[in-house]
PDB file of N, CA and C in Angstrom:
ATOM      1  N   UNK A   1      90.926 158.265 224.365  1.00  0.00           N
ATOM      2  CA  UNK A   1      89.656 157.945 223.731  1.00  0.00           C
ATOM      3  C   UNK A   1      89.800 156.654 222.928  1.00  0.00           C
ATOM      4  N   UNK A   2      88.723 155.917 222.838  1.00  0.00           N
ATOM      5  CA  UNK A   2      88.684 154.679 222.076  1.00  0.00           C
ATOM      6  C   UNK A   2      88.455 154.996 220.600  1.00  0.00           C
ATOM      7  N   UNK A   3      89.177 154.344 219.676  1.00  0.00           N
ATOM      8  CA  UNK A   3      88.905 154.567 218.251  1.00  0.00           C
ATOM      9  C   UNK A   3      87.459 154.220 217.912  1.00  0.00           C
ATOM     10  N   UNK A   4      86.883 154.947 216.968  1.00  0.00           N
ATOM     11  CA  UNK A   4      85.460 154.801 216.635  1.00  0.00           C
ATOM     12  C   UNK A   4      85.100 153.390 216.188  1.00  0.00           C
ATOM     13  N   UNK A   5      85.998 152.691 215.536  1.00  0.00           N
ATOM     14  CA  UNK A   5      85.654 151.356 215.028  1.00  0.00           C
ATOM     15  C   UNK A   5      85.418 150.349 216.154  1.00  0.00           C
ATOM     16  N   UNK A   6      85.824 150.684 217.378  1.00  0.00           N
ATOM     17  CA  UNK A   6      85.601 149.797 218.523  1.00  0.00           C
ATOM     18  C   UNK A   6      84.327 150.125 219.292  1.00  0.00           C
ATOM     19  N   UNK A   7      83.580 151.119 218.838  1.00  0.00           N
ATOM     20  CA  UNK A   7      82.372 151.556 219.530  1.00  0.00           C
ATOM     21  C   UNK A   7      81.167 150.851 218.901  1.00  0.00           C
ATOM     22  N   UNK A   8      80.348 150.150 219.704  1.00  0.00           N
ATOM     23  CA  UNK A   8      79.313 149.274 219.161  1.00  0.00           C
ATOM     24  C   UNK A   8      78.102 149.940 218.508  1.00  0.00           C
ATOM     25  N   UNK A   9      77.593 151.051 218.998  1.00  0.00           N
ATOM     26  CA  UNK A   9      76.353 151.602 218.471  1.00  0.00           C
ATOM     27  C   UNK A   9      76.555 152.998 217.912  1.00  0.00           C
ATOM     28  N   UNK A  10      75.852 153.277 216.823  1.00  0.00           N
ATOM     29  CA  UNK A  10      75.959 154.591 216.201  1.00  0.00           C
ATOM     30  C   UNK A  10      74.614 155.312 216.173  1.00  0.00           C
ATOM     31  N   UNK A  11      73.668 154.937 217.043  1.00  0.00           N
ATOM     32  CA  UNK A  11      72.395 155.648 217.094  1.00  0.00           C
ATOM     33  C   UNK A  11      72.645 157.075 217.584  1.00  0.00           C
ATOM     34  N   UNK A  12      71.741 157.989 217.248  1.00  0.00           N
ATOM     35  CA  UNK A  12      71.896 159.382 217.669  1.00  0.00           C
ATOM     36  C   UNK A  12      71.952 159.505 219.188  1.00  0.00           C
ATOM     37  N   UNK A  13      71.109 158.750 219.880  1.00  0.00           N
ATOM     38  CA  UNK A  13      71.087 158.819 221.342  1.00  0.00           C
ATOM     39  C   UNK A  13      72.430 158.383 221.931  1.00  0.00           C
ATOM     40  N   UNK A  14      72.996 157.325 221.403  1.00  0.00           N
ATOM     41  CA  UNK A  14      74.285 156.837 221.897  1.00  0.00           C
ATOM     42  C   UNK A  14      75.385 157.832 221.541  1.00  0.00           C
ATOM     43  N   UNK A  15      75.310 158.402 220.345  1.00  0.00           N
ATOM     44  CA  UNK A  15      76.299 159.411 219.955  1.00  0.00           C
ATOM     45  C   UNK A  15      76.237 160.630 220.871  1.00  0.00           C
ATOM     46  N   UNK A  16      75.026 161.084 221.197  1.00  0.00           N
ATOM     47  CA  UNK A  16      74.884 162.229 222.105  1.00  0.00           C
ATOM     48  C   UNK A  16      75.497 161.916 223.464  1.00  0.00           C
ATOM     49  N   UNK A  17      75.240 160.724 223.979  1.00  0.00           N
ATOM     50  CA  UNK A  17      75.794 160.344 225.281  1.00  0.00           C
ATOM     51  C   UNK A  17      77.313 160.294 225.229  1.00  0.00           C
ATOM     52  N   UNK A  18      77.864 159.683 224.178  1.00  0.00           N
ATOM     53  CA  UNK A  18      79.326 159.623 224.042  1.00  0.00           C
ATOM     54  C   UNK A  18      79.928 161.024 223.976  1.00  0.00           C
ATOM     55  N   UNK A  19      79.293 161.896 223.189  1.00  0.00           N
ATOM     56  CA  UNK A  19      79.798 163.253 223.031  1.00  0.00           C
ATOM     57  C   UNK A  19      79.711 164.024 224.350  1.00  0.00           C
ATOM     58  N   UNK A  20      78.590 163.916 225.038  1.00  0.00           N
ATOM     59  CA  UNK A  20      78.426 164.604 226.316  1.00  0.00           C
ATOM     60  C   UNK A  20      79.427 164.081 227.349  1.00  0.00           C
ATOM     61  N   UNK A  21      79.612 162.775 227.415  1.00  0.00           N
ATOM     62  CA  UNK A  21      80.596 162.196 228.342  1.00  0.00           C
ATOM     63  C   UNK A  21      81.999 162.723 228.043  1.00  0.00           C
ATOM     64  N   UNK A  22      82.351 162.789 226.761  1.00  0.00           N
ATOM     65  CA  UNK A  22      83.678 163.277 226.367  1.00  0.00           C
ATOM     66  C   UNK A  22      83.826 164.760 226.691  1.00  0.00           C
ATOM     67  N   UNK A  23      82.780 165.550 226.444  1.00  0.00           N
ATOM     68  CA  UNK A  23      82.838 166.979 226.770  1.00  0.00           C
ATOM     69  C   UNK A  23      83.007 167.186 228.272  1.00  0.00           C
ATOM     70  N   UNK A  24      82.295 166.402 229.066  1.00  0.00           N
ATOM     71  CA  UNK A  24      82.422 166.524 230.523  1.00  0.00           C
ATOM     72  C   UNK A  24      83.824 166.130 230.994  1.00  0.00           C
ATOM     73  N   UNK A  25      84.403 165.126 230.364  1.00  0.00           N
ATOM     74  CA  UNK A  25      85.731 164.670 230.775  1.00  0.00           C
ATOM     75  C   UNK A  25      86.851 165.586 230.287  1.00  0.00           C
ATOM     76  N   UNK A  26      86.783 166.002 229.019  1.00  0.00           N
ATOM     77  CA  UNK A  26      87.886 166.757 228.415  1.00  0.00           C
ATOM     78  C   UNK A  26      87.615 168.257 228.302  1.00  0.00           C
ATOM     79  N   UNK A  27      86.354 168.676 228.466  1.00  0.00           N
ATOM     80  CA  UNK A  27      85.908 170.063 228.381  1.00  0.00           C
ATOM     81  C   UNK A  27      85.881 170.593 226.946  1.00  0.00           C
ATOM     82  N   UNK A  28      86.793 170.180 226.083  1.00  0.00           N
ATOM     83  CA  UNK A  28      86.829 170.636 224.693  1.00  0.00           C
ATOM     84  C   UNK A  28      86.975 169.432 223.783  1.00  0.00           C
ATOM     85  N   UNK A  29      86.138 169.385 222.741  1.00  0.00           N
ATOM     86  CA  UNK A  29      86.221 168.338 221.728  1.00  0.00           C
ATOM     87  C   UNK A  29      86.172 169.024 220.363  1.00  0.00           C
ATOM     88  N   UNK A  30      87.047 168.632 219.465  1.00  0.00           N
ATOM     89  CA  UNK A  30      86.998 169.187 218.114  1.00  0.00           C
ATOM     90  C   UNK A  30      86.108 168.317 217.229  1.00  0.00           C
ATOM     91  N   UNK A  31      85.720 168.879 216.110  1.00  0.00           N
ATOM     92  CA  UNK A  31      84.947 168.114 215.136  1.00  0.00           C
ATOM     93  C   UNK A  31      85.715 166.866 214.710  1.00  0.00           C
ATOM     94  N   UNK A  32      87.012 167.034 214.461  1.00  0.00           N
ATOM     95  CA  UNK A  32      87.837 165.891 214.050  1.00  0.00           C
ATOM     96  C   UNK A  32      87.877 164.806 215.119  1.00  0.00           C
ATOM     97  N   UNK A  33      88.028 165.201 216.392  1.00  0.00           N
ATOM     98  CA  UNK A  33      88.044 164.225 217.490  1.00  0.00           C
ATOM     99  C   UNK A  33      86.709 163.487 217.582  1.00  0.00           C
ATOM    100  N   UNK A  34      85.612 164.235 217.446  1.00  0.00           N
ATOM    101  CA  UNK A  34      84.285 163.615 217.530  1.00  0.00           C
ATOM    102  C   UNK A  34      84.106 162.572 216.429  1.00  0.00           C
ATOM    103  N   UNK A  35      84.584 162.874 215.244  1.00  0.00           N
ATOM    104  CA  UNK A  35      84.453 161.919 214.140  1.00  0.00           C
ATOM    105  C   UNK A  35      85.373 160.714 214.319  1.00  0.00           C
ATOM    106  N   UNK A  36      86.650 160.991 214.591  1.00  0.00           N
ATOM    107  CA  UNK A  36      87.643 159.916 214.639  1.00  0.00           C
ATOM    108  C   UNK A  36      87.530 159.027 215.871  1.00  0.00           C
ATOM    109  N   UNK A  37      87.395 159.628 217.041  1.00  0.00           N
ATOM    110  CA  UNK A  37      87.439 158.864 218.281  1.00  0.00           C
ATOM    111  C   UNK A  37      86.069 158.481 218.835  1.00  0.00           C
ATOM    112  N   UNK A  38      85.043 159.285 218.483  1.00  0.00           N
ATOM    113  CA  UNK A  38      83.717 159.009 219.031  1.00  0.00           C
ATOM    114  C   UNK A  38      82.762 158.412 218.007  1.00  0.00           C
ATOM    115  N   UNK A  39      83.172 158.346 216.746  1.00  0.00           N
ATOM    116  CA  UNK A  39      82.332 157.751 215.707  1.00  0.00           C
ATOM    117  C   UNK A  39      81.098 158.574 215.372  1.00  0.00           C
ATOM    118  N   UNK A  40      81.209 159.892 215.467  1.00  0.00           N
ATOM    119  CA  UNK A  40      80.081 160.770 215.202  1.00  0.00           C
ATOM    120  C   UNK A  40      80.297 161.430 213.844  1.00  0.00           C
ATOM    121  N   UNK A  41      79.471 161.066 212.874  1.00  0.00           N
ATOM    122  CA  UNK A  41      79.677 161.581 211.524  1.00  0.00           C
ATOM    123  C   UNK A  41      79.205 163.021 211.366  1.00  0.00           C
ATOM    124  N   UNK A  42      78.267 163.466 212.200  1.00  0.00           N
ATOM    125  CA  UNK A  42      77.744 164.831 212.110  1.00  0.00           C
ATOM    126  C   UNK A  42      77.767 165.475 213.504  1.00  0.00           C
ATOM    127  N   UNK A  43      78.968 165.852 213.977  1.00  0.00           N
ATOM    128  CA  UNK A  43      79.084 166.408 215.324  1.00  0.00           C
ATOM    129  C   UNK A  43      78.216 167.645 215.551  1.00  0.00           C
ATOM    130  N   UNK A  44      78.115 168.519 214.570  1.00  0.00           N
ATOM    131  CA  UNK A  44      77.318 169.739 214.745  1.00  0.00           C
ATOM    132  C   UNK A  44      75.859 169.407 215.048  1.00  0.00           C
ATOM    133  N   UNK A  45      75.338 168.370 214.434  1.00  0.00           N
ATOM    134  CA  UNK A  45      73.965 167.948 214.695  1.00  0.00           C
ATOM    135  C   UNK A  45      73.774 167.461 216.113  1.00  0.00           C
ATOM    136  N   UNK A  46      74.735 166.687 216.616  1.00  0.00           N
ATOM    137  CA  UNK A  46      74.638 166.193 217.987  1.00  0.00           C
ATOM    138  C   UNK A  46      74.809 167.335 218.980  1.00  0.00           C
ATOM    139  N   UNK A  47      75.693 168.286 218.683  1.00  0.00           N
ATOM    140  CA  UNK A  47      75.873 169.459 219.539  1.00  0.00           C
ATOM    141  C   UNK A  47      74.573 170.255 219.610  1.00  0.00           C
ATOM    142  N   UNK A  48      73.929 170.440 218.472  1.00  0.00           N
ATOM    143  CA  UNK A  48      72.646 171.161 218.429  1.00  0.00           C
ATOM    144  C   UNK A  48      71.620 170.472 219.322  1.00  0.00           C
ATOM    145  N   UNK A  49      71.548 169.157 219.231  1.00  0.00           N
ATOM    146  CA  UNK A  49      70.593 168.399 220.052  1.00  0.00           C
ATOM    147  C   UNK A  49      70.915 168.524 221.545  1.00  0.00           C
ATOM    148  N   UNK A  50      72.202 168.499 221.889  1.00  0.00           N
ATOM    149  CA  UNK A  50      72.592 168.668 223.289  1.00  0.00           C
ATOM    150  C   UNK A  50      72.230 170.066 223.792  1.00  0.00           C
ATOM    151  N   UNK A  51      72.433 171.069 222.952  1.00  0.00           N
ATOM    152  CA  UNK A  51      72.050 172.432 223.337  1.00  0.00           C
ATOM    153  C   UNK A  51      70.543 172.516 223.553  1.00  0.00           C
ATOM    154  N   UNK A  52      69.787 171.901 222.661  1.00  0.00           N
ATOM    155  CA  UNK A  52      68.322 171.926 222.777  1.00  0.00           C
ATOM    156  C   UNK A  52      67.840 171.228 224.045  1.00  0.00           C
ATOM    157  N   UNK A  53      68.640 170.303 224.569  1.00  0.00           N
ATOM    158  CA  UNK A  53      68.251 169.610 225.806  1.00  0.00           C
ATOM    159  C   UNK A  53      68.796 170.318 227.052  1.00  0.00           C
ATOM    160  N   UNK A  54      69.391 171.501 226.866  1.00  0.00           N
ATOM    161  CA  UNK A  54      69.778 172.320 228.005  1.00  0.00           C
ATOM    162  C   UNK A  54      71.254 172.417 228.338  1.00  0.00           C
ATOM    163  N   UNK A  55      72.110 171.900 227.488  1.00  0.00           N
ATOM    164  CA  UNK A  55      73.547 171.979 227.752  1.00  0.00           C
ATOM    165  C   UNK A  55      74.130 173.228 227.104  1.00  0.00           C
ATOM    166  N   UNK A  56      74.999 173.903 227.869  1.00  0.00           N
ATOM    167  CA  UNK A  56      75.673 175.089 227.359  1.00  0.00           C
ATOM    168  C   UNK A  56      76.986 174.649 226.715  1.00  0.00           C
ATOM    169  N   UNK A  57      77.038 174.771 225.400  1.00  0.00           N
ATOM    170  CA  UNK A  57      78.225 174.376 224.631  1.00  0.00           C
ATOM    171  C   UNK A  57      78.537 175.518 223.671  1.00  0.00           C
ATOM    172  N   UNK A  58      79.738 176.050 223.775  1.00  0.00           N
ATOM    173  CA  UNK A  58      80.177 177.152 222.926  1.00  0.00           C
ATOM    174  C   UNK A  58      81.016 176.584 221.788  1.00  0.00           C
ATOM    175  N   UNK A  59      80.813 177.108 220.594  1.00  0.00           N
ATOM    176  CA  UNK A  59      81.629 176.714 219.446  1.00  0.00           C
ATOM    177  C   UNK A  59      82.667 177.794 219.193  1.00  0.00           C
ATOM    178  N   UNK A  60      83.920 177.409 219.217  1.00  0.00           N
ATOM    179  CA  UNK A  60      85.022 178.309 218.883  1.00  0.00           C
ATOM    180  C   UNK A  60      85.635 177.817 217.582  1.00  0.00           C
ATOM    181  N   UNK A  61      85.626 178.660 216.570  1.00  0.00           N
ATOM    182  CA  UNK A  61      86.229 178.305 215.282  1.00  0.00           C
ATOM    183  C   UNK A  61      87.684 178.763 215.286  1.00  0.00           C
ATOM    184  N   UNK A  62      88.581 177.833 215.003  1.00  0.00           N
ATOM    185  CA  UNK A  62      90.020 178.143 215.000  1.00  0.00           C
ATOM    186  C   UNK A  62      90.635 177.688 213.688  1.00  0.00           C
ATOM    187  N   UNK A  63      91.604 178.448 213.240  1.00  0.00           N
ATOM    188  CA  UNK A  63      92.343 178.060 212.037  1.00  0.00           C
ATOM    189  C   UNK A  63      93.363 176.986 212.401  1.00  0.00           C
ATOM    190  N   UNK A  64      93.489 175.998 211.525  1.00  0.00           N
ATOM    191  CA  UNK A  64      94.446 174.910 211.726  1.00  0.00           C
ATOM    192  C   UNK A  64      94.901 174.430 210.351  1.00  0.00           C
ATOM    193  N   UNK A  65      95.794 173.476 210.331  1.00  0.00           N
ATOM    194  CA  UNK A  65      96.266 172.874 209.082  1.00  0.00           C
ATOM    195  C   UNK A  65      95.948 171.387 209.100  1.00  0.00           C
ATOM    196  N   UNK A  66      95.482 170.873 207.968  1.00  0.00           N
ATOM    197  CA  UNK A  66      95.204 169.443 207.896  1.00  0.00           C
ATOM    198  C   UNK A  66      96.482 168.676 207.571  1.00  0.00           C
ATOM    199  N   UNK A  67      96.365 167.364 207.392  1.00  0.00           N
ATOM    200  CA  UNK A  67      97.553 166.526 207.159  1.00  0.00           C
ATOM    201  C   UNK A  67      98.259 166.835 205.834  1.00  0.00           C
ATOM    202  N   UNK A  68      97.578 167.536 204.919  1.00  0.00           N
ATOM    203  CA  UNK A  68      98.193 167.969 203.658  1.00  0.00           C
ATOM    204  C   UNK A  68      98.704 169.401 203.746  1.00  0.00           C
ATOM    205  N   UNK A  69      98.654 169.958 204.951  1.00  0.00           N
ATOM    206  CA  UNK A  69      99.089 171.317 205.244  1.00  0.00           C
ATOM    207  C   UNK A  69      98.239 172.391 204.572  1.00  0.00           C
ATOM    208  N   UNK A  70      96.942 172.072 204.351  1.00  0.00           N
ATOM    209  CA  UNK A  70      95.987 173.064 203.878  1.00  0.00           C
ATOM    210  C   UNK A  70      95.383 173.747 205.098  1.00  0.00           C
ATOM    211  N   UNK A  71      95.316 175.069 205.024  1.00  0.00           N
ATOM    212  CA  UNK A  71      94.732 175.829 206.126  1.00  0.00           C
ATOM    213  C   UNK A  71      93.210 175.688 206.077  1.00  0.00           C
ATOM    214  N   UNK A  72      92.617 175.432 207.244  1.00  0.00           N
ATOM    215  CA  UNK A  72      91.163 175.296 207.327  1.00  0.00           C
ATOM    216  C   UNK A  72      90.699 175.660 208.726  1.00  0.00           C
ATOM    217  N   UNK A  73      89.398 175.906 208.850  1.00  0.00           N
ATOM    218  CA  UNK A  73      88.817 176.205 210.154  1.00  0.00           C
ATOM    219  C   UNK A  73      88.298 174.909 210.773  1.00  0.00           C
ATOM    220  N   UNK A  74      88.473 174.816 212.079  1.00  0.00           N
ATOM    221  CA  UNK A  74      88.057 173.625 212.807  1.00  0.00           C
ATOM    222  C   UNK A  74      87.251 174.051 214.030  1.00  0.00           C
ATOM    223  N   UNK A  75      86.082 173.446 214.202  1.00  0.00           N
ATOM    224  CA  UNK A  75      85.242 173.761 215.364  1.00  0.00           C
ATOM    225  C   UNK A  75      85.790 173.084 216.609  1.00  0.00           C
ATOM    226  N   UNK A  76      85.871 173.851 217.678  1.00  0.00           N
ATOM    227  CA  UNK A  76      86.212 173.363 219.011  1.00  0.00           C
ATOM    228  C   UNK A  76      84.973 173.592 219.866  1.00  0.00           C
ATOM    229  N   UNK A  77      84.380 172.515 220.379  1.00  0.00           N
ATOM    230  CA  UNK A  77      83.180 172.610 221.200  1.00  0.00           C
ATOM    231  C   UNK A  77      83.606 172.628 222.665  1.00  0.00           C
ATOM    232  N   UNK A  78      83.217 173.679 223.366  1.00  0.00           N
ATOM    233  CA  UNK A  78      83.625 173.879 224.758  1.00  0.00           C
ATOM    234  C   UNK A  78      82.392 173.704 225.646  1.00  0.00           C
ATOM    235  N   UNK A  79      82.486 172.755 226.566  1.00  0.00           N
ATOM    236  CA  UNK A  79      81.365 172.465 227.472  1.00  0.00           C
ATOM    237  C   UNK A  79      81.384 173.421 228.651  1.00  0.00           C
ATOM    238  N   UNK A  80      80.224 174.045 228.919  1.00  0.00           N
ATOM    239  CA  UNK A  80      80.113 175.001 230.020  1.00  0.00           C
ATOM    240  C   UNK A  80      78.997 174.625 230.994  1.00  0.00           C
ATOM    241  N   UNK A  81      78.629 173.356 231.028  1.00  0.00           N
ATOM    242  CA  UNK A  81      77.645 172.889 231.984  1.00  0.00           C
ATOM    243  C   UNK A  81      76.246 172.788 231.396  1.00  0.00           C
ATOM    244  N   UNK A  82      75.299 172.527 232.281  1.00  0.00           N
ATOM    245  CA  UNK A  82      73.904 172.348 231.879  1.00  0.00           C
ATOM    246  C   UNK A  82      73.064 173.445 232.493  1.00  0.00           C
ATOM    247  N   UNK A  83      71.980 173.785 231.807  1.00  0.00           N
ATOM    248  CA  UNK A  83      71.040 174.788 232.305  1.00  0.00           C
ATOM    249  C   UNK A  83      70.019 174.198 233.245  1.00  0.00           C
ATOM    250  N   UNK A  84      70.075 172.897 233.485  1.00  0.00           N
ATOM    251  CA  UNK A  84      69.093 172.222 234.330  1.00  0.00           C
ATOM    252  C   UNK A  84      69.795 171.156 235.156  1.00  0.00           C
ATOM    253  N   UNK A  85      69.136 170.705 236.184  1.00  0.00           N
ATOM    254  CA  UNK A  85      69.694 169.624 237.013  1.00  0.00           C
ATOM    255  C   UNK A  85      69.585 168.316 236.258  1.00  0.00           C
ATOM    256  N   UNK A  86      70.617 167.485 236.388  1.00  0.00           N
ATOM    257  CA  UNK A  86      70.602 166.207 235.670  1.00  0.00           C
ATOM    258  C   UNK A  86      70.676 165.053 236.619  1.00  0.00           C
TER     259      UNK A  86
END
């Protein structure tokens, strides 16, 4: 994935496209990956919009440790296809 600082546009539409492309390619994207590599400051909002447009995306909450070794939950978004033809 390209670091977010190299991505030219941060509009919601462009963020949704980047997120959907990444989900289709990798099948699973975490909140941290969406922020760091895709430049999406509010991944849950973009996921909600993608679901509303007919994409099946499951959220799996998993426990992990951050860089300071604090335990926290992290969303893993799993792409399961679209409910409509695209």
